[in-house]
Amino acid sequence: FTCPDFRAGKTASNETFKKLDIPLHPTRGIANMLQDQVAPVMVKGYRPGEGIDADRFPTTRVVSNVEDLHTQLSKSTARTTTFTKFARGTASYEDYIKELRGQLD
């Protein structure tokens, strides 16, 4: 944008890149971008308090979440299917196949 012809509006749109002074090398490298943009997000998170844990894995937060999940899952009951009944010996193989074929309809 330092070209006088460009600022005066005398440059056609298809000649824009001929007039612009584009540097051969960017002023910032990958290391700068990682340091300035990626690292703060990894350390601080997208929102305050949601960054990485400073502790080693498994962190206290991870252990707590796994314990909560274990408690929830241990209280839930799995749905009994004909396959479950077949595996326990309370239903025949034909009943199991009949239910499977019924799912296709």
Protein backbone atom coordinates (compact mmCIF):
# COMPACT_ATOMS: atom_id res chain seq x y z
CA PHE A 1 0.00 0.00 0.00
CA THR A 2 3.02 2.25 -0.25
CA CYS A 3 2.81 2.50 -4.05
CA PRO A 4 1.51 5.96 -5.08
CA ASP A 5 -0.29 4.61 -8.19
CA PHE A 6 -2.12 2.07 -6.09
CA ARG A 7 -3.21 4.67 -3.55
CA ALA A 8 -4.33 7.02 -6.32
CA GLY A 9 -6.54 4.30 -7.82
CA LYS A 10 -4.54 4.12 -11.07
CA THR A 11 -3.77 0.41 -10.71
CA ALA A 12 -6.14 -2.08 -12.32
CA SER A 13 -7.32 -5.00 -10.16
CA ASN A 14 -5.41 -7.52 -12.26
CA GLU A 15 -2.15 -5.55 -11.69
CA THR A 16 -2.46 -5.33 -7.91
CA PHE A 17 0.21 -7.93 -7.14
CA LYS A 18 2.63 -6.33 -9.59
CA LYS A 19 2.53 -3.09 -7.62
CA LEU A 20 2.50 -4.47 -4.07
CA ASP A 21 5.78 -4.81 -2.26
CA ILE A 22 5.56 -8.39 -1.01
CA PRO A 23 8.55 -9.40 1.14
CA LEU A 24 10.46 -12.54 0.20
CA HIS A 25 10.37 -13.87 3.77
CA PRO A 26 7.63 -13.46 6.36
CA THR A 27 8.45 -11.37 9.40
CA ARG A 28 7.22 -14.17 11.64
CA GLY A 29 8.26 -17.80 11.59
CA ILE A 30 6.61 -20.96 12.82
CA ALA A 31 8.34 -20.68 16.20
CA ASN A 32 6.90 -17.17 16.69
CA MET A 33 3.39 -18.30 15.74
CA LEU A 34 3.55 -21.30 18.08
CA GLN A 35 4.88 -19.18 20.90
CA ASP A 36 2.45 -16.28 20.44
CA GLN A 37 -0.75 -18.07 19.40
CA VAL A 38 -0.70 -21.79 20.19
CA ALA A 39 1.16 -21.90 23.51
CA PRO A 40 -1.15 -19.47 25.36
CA VAL A 41 -4.20 -21.49 24.30
CA MET A 42 -2.61 -24.74 25.44
CA VAL A 43 -1.58 -23.30 28.80
CA LYS A 44 -4.58 -21.07 29.53
CA GLY A 45 -7.28 -22.81 27.47
CA TYR A 46 -9.88 -21.19 25.27
CA ARG A 47 -11.69 -19.99 28.36
CA PRO A 48 -10.24 -19.19 31.78
CA GLY A 49 -9.71 -22.30 33.91
CA GLU A 50 -9.87 -24.79 31.03
CA GLY A 51 -6.18 -25.06 30.17
CA ILE A 52 -3.99 -28.13 30.59
CA ASP A 53 -3.39 -29.51 34.06
CA ALA A 54 0.07 -28.86 35.42
CA ASP A 55 0.08 -32.23 37.22
CA ARG A 56 1.26 -35.43 35.60
CA PHE A 57 -1.30 -37.83 34.16
CA PRO A 58 -3.58 -39.03 35.65
CA THR A 59 -4.42 -35.72 37.24
CA THR A 60 -6.73 -35.33 40.20
CA ARG A 61 -9.42 -34.00 37.88
CA VAL A 62 -9.16 -37.02 35.58
CA VAL A 63 -9.27 -39.45 38.51
CA SER A 64 -12.30 -37.65 39.93
CA ASN A 65 -14.12 -37.76 36.57
CA VAL A 66 -13.39 -41.49 36.18
CA GLU A 67 -14.68 -42.19 39.70
CA ASP A 68 -17.88 -40.23 38.96
CA LEU A 69 -18.38 -42.13 35.71
CA HIS A 70 -17.80 -45.45 37.48
CA THR A 71 -20.41 -44.56 40.10
CA GLN A 72 -22.96 -43.58 37.46
CA LEU A 73 -22.39 -46.69 35.36
CA SER A 74 -22.53 -49.05 38.35
CA LYS A 75 -26.01 -47.71 39.21
CA SER A 76 -27.41 -48.12 35.70
CA THR A 77 -28.97 -51.36 34.52
CA ALA A 78 -28.31 -52.73 31.06
CA ARG A 79 -31.32 -53.46 28.87
CA THR A 80 -32.04 -57.19 28.62
CA THR A 81 -32.21 -58.44 25.04
CA THR A 82 -33.06 -61.80 23.56
CA PHE A 83 -29.33 -62.37 23.06
CA THR A 84 -28.82 -61.87 26.81
CA LYS A 85 -31.55 -64.42 27.51
CA PHE A 86 -30.02 -66.80 24.94
CA ALA A 87 -26.56 -66.40 26.51
CA ARG A 88 -28.02 -67.16 29.95
CA GLY A 89 -29.88 -70.20 28.61
CA THR A 90 -33.39 -68.83 29.17
CA ALA A 91 -34.21 -68.31 25.47
CA SER A 92 -33.73 -70.52 22.45
CA TYR A 93 -31.50 -69.81 19.48
CA GLU A 94 -34.62 -69.54 17.30
CA ASP A 95 -36.00 -66.76 19.53
CA TYR A 96 -32.71 -64.90 19.22
CA ILE A 97 -32.66 -65.21 15.41
CA LYS A 98 -36.34 -64.23 15.23
CA GLU A 99 -35.58 -60.99 17.08
CA LEU A 100 -32.61 -60.25 14.81
CA ARG A 101 -34.71 -60.77 11.69
CA GLY A 102 -37.42 -58.55 13.20
CA GLN A 103 -34.90 -55.70 13.37
CA LEU A 104 -34.45 -55.90 9.60
CA ASP A 105 -38.14 -55.27 8.91
